[in-house]
């Protein structure tokens, strides 16, 4: 079955960096575009970044442009989110998502806390 497992979250000071990973299985990863979302306390889940199956098309929400970088390794069936210059407003649970056959599949999420 489809599985998405996020890792790499943690507590970091403002201005710091983290790299999130999402390991995928149960589907043809190399043919699937992938997305990162986040959900802050008391807020709705929001789109963060998208990468096409080949990595040729990438997009970001304005709030993270210039600070976050999405990438993928199709040989490892893993998508990454490199997060630099982190701000307290980036604090959230981060999820990866894939859409297969019109259905959304989500990972369990990884907590990112940006605080001094």
Protein backbone atom coordinates (compact mmCIF):
# COMPACT_ATOMS: atom_id res chain seq x y z
CA UNK A 1 0.00 0.00 0.00
CA UNK A 2 1.00 3.63 -0.39
CA UNK A 3 3.26 4.83 2.42
CA UNK A 4 4.83 8.23 2.98
CA UNK A 5 7.17 8.62 5.95
CA UNK A 6 8.48 12.07 6.85
CA UNK A 7 11.55 12.67 8.99
CA UNK A 8 14.06 15.37 9.83
CA UNK A 9 11.96 17.72 11.92
CA UNK A 10 13.05 19.16 15.24
CA UNK A 11 13.71 22.26 17.29
CA UNK A 12 15.87 24.92 15.66
CA UNK A 13 16.72 28.53 16.46
CA UNK A 14 15.58 31.37 14.19
CA UNK A 15 17.92 31.62 11.22
CA UNK A 16 18.77 27.95 11.39
CA UNK A 17 18.29 25.16 8.86
CA UNK A 18 16.65 21.76 8.65
CA UNK A 19 16.27 19.20 5.88
CA UNK A 20 13.09 17.19 5.81
CA UNK A 21 12.81 13.87 4.01
CA UNK A 22 9.78 11.94 2.80
CA UNK A 23 10.40 8.30 1.94
CA UNK A 24 7.77 6.86 -0.39
CA UNK A 25 6.71 3.32 -1.20
CA UNK A 26 3.80 1.42 -2.71
CA UNK A 27 3.58 3.37 -5.94
CA UNK A 28 5.75 4.38 -8.89
CA UNK A 29 7.52 7.31 -7.29
CA UNK A 30 9.42 8.33 -10.43
CA UNK A 31 6.15 8.99 -12.26
CA UNK A 32 4.50 11.00 -9.50
CA UNK A 33 4.68 14.67 -8.62
CA UNK A 34 5.09 15.35 -4.90
CA UNK A 35 4.08 18.16 -2.59
CA UNK A 36 4.95 19.46 0.86
CA UNK A 37 2.31 21.03 3.10
CA UNK A 38 2.40 22.38 6.63
CA UNK A 39 -0.10 22.99 9.40
CA UNK A 40 0.58 25.46 12.17
CA UNK A 41 -1.33 25.29 15.48
CA UNK A 42 -4.86 26.60 15.06
CA UNK A 43 -4.47 27.08 11.32
CA UNK A 44 -5.49 25.21 8.20
CA UNK A 45 -3.03 23.02 6.35
CA UNK A 46 -1.30 25.02 3.63
CA UNK A 47 0.66 24.23 0.50
CA UNK A 48 4.42 24.79 0.76
CA UNK A 49 6.11 23.34 -2.31
CA UNK A 50 5.60 21.14 -5.36
CA UNK A 51 7.97 19.17 -7.56
CA UNK A 52 7.07 17.34 -10.76
CA UNK A 53 8.00 13.73 -11.40
CA UNK A 54 11.24 14.65 -13.17
CA UNK A 55 12.02 17.66 -11.03
CA UNK A 56 11.65 19.93 -14.03
CA UNK A 57 8.77 21.92 -12.58
CA UNK A 58 8.95 23.36 -9.07
CA UNK A 59 6.79 25.88 -7.25
CA UNK A 60 6.62 27.41 -3.77
CA UNK A 61 4.25 29.40 -1.65
CA UNK A 62 5.44 33.02 -1.54
CA UNK A 63 6.24 32.84 2.19
CA UNK A 64 9.11 30.37 1.63
CA UNK A 65 10.51 31.48 -1.73
CA UNK A 66 14.25 32.05 -1.55
CA UNK A 67 14.53 30.12 1.74
CA UNK A 68 13.20 26.61 1.04
CA UNK A 69 14.29 24.20 -1.70
CA UNK A 70 12.37 21.10 -2.75
CA UNK A 71 14.22 18.26 -4.46
CA UNK A 72 13.86 14.55 -5.11
CA UNK A 73 15.93 11.43 -5.61
CA UNK A 74 13.93 9.02 -7.75
CA UNK A 75 16.47 6.24 -7.16
CA UNK A 76 15.73 6.47 -3.43
CA UNK A 77 12.01 7.25 -3.81
CA UNK A 78 12.51 10.22 -1.54
CA UNK A 79 11.54 13.88 -1.70
CA UNK A 80 13.34 16.51 0.36
CA UNK A 81 12.64 19.97 1.70
CA UNK A 82 15.73 21.99 2.57
CA UNK A 83 14.68 24.82 4.86
CA UNK A 84 17.08 27.71 5.49
CA UNK A 85 16.74 31.02 7.32
CA UNK A 86 13.95 29.55 9.39
CA UNK A 87 11.52 31.87 11.15
CA UNK A 88 9.20 31.30 14.11
CA UNK A 89 6.31 31.54 11.63
CA UNK A 90 7.63 28.37 9.95
CA UNK A 91 6.71 26.39 13.07
CA UNK A 92 4.28 23.67 11.98
CA UNK A 93 3.82 20.01 11.31
CA UNK A 94 5.14 19.33 7.81
CA UNK A 95 3.52 16.71 5.59
CA UNK A 96 4.29 15.27 2.18
CA UNK A 97 1.49 14.36 -0.18
CA UNK A 98 0.97 12.43 -3.39
CA UNK A 99 -2.17 12.28 -5.51
CA UNK A 100 -2.87 8.89 -7.06
CA UNK A 101 -6.00 8.07 -9.02
CA UNK A 102 -7.63 11.25 -7.76
CA UNK A 103 -7.01 10.40 -4.10
CA UNK A 104 -4.73 12.25 -1.70
CA UNK A 105 -2.21 10.25 0.30
CA UNK A 106 -0.48 11.88 3.26
CA UNK A 107 2.36 11.00 5.55
CA UNK A 108 2.10 11.21 9.33
CA UNK A 109 3.96 14.51 9.45
CA UNK A 110 7.10 15.76 11.17
CA UNK A 111 7.14 18.61 13.69
CA UNK A 112 9.29 21.67 13.01
CA UNK A 113 9.64 24.18 15.83
CA UNK A 114 11.55 27.41 15.32
CA UNK A 115 12.22 29.10 18.64
CA UNK A 116 14.99 30.69 20.62
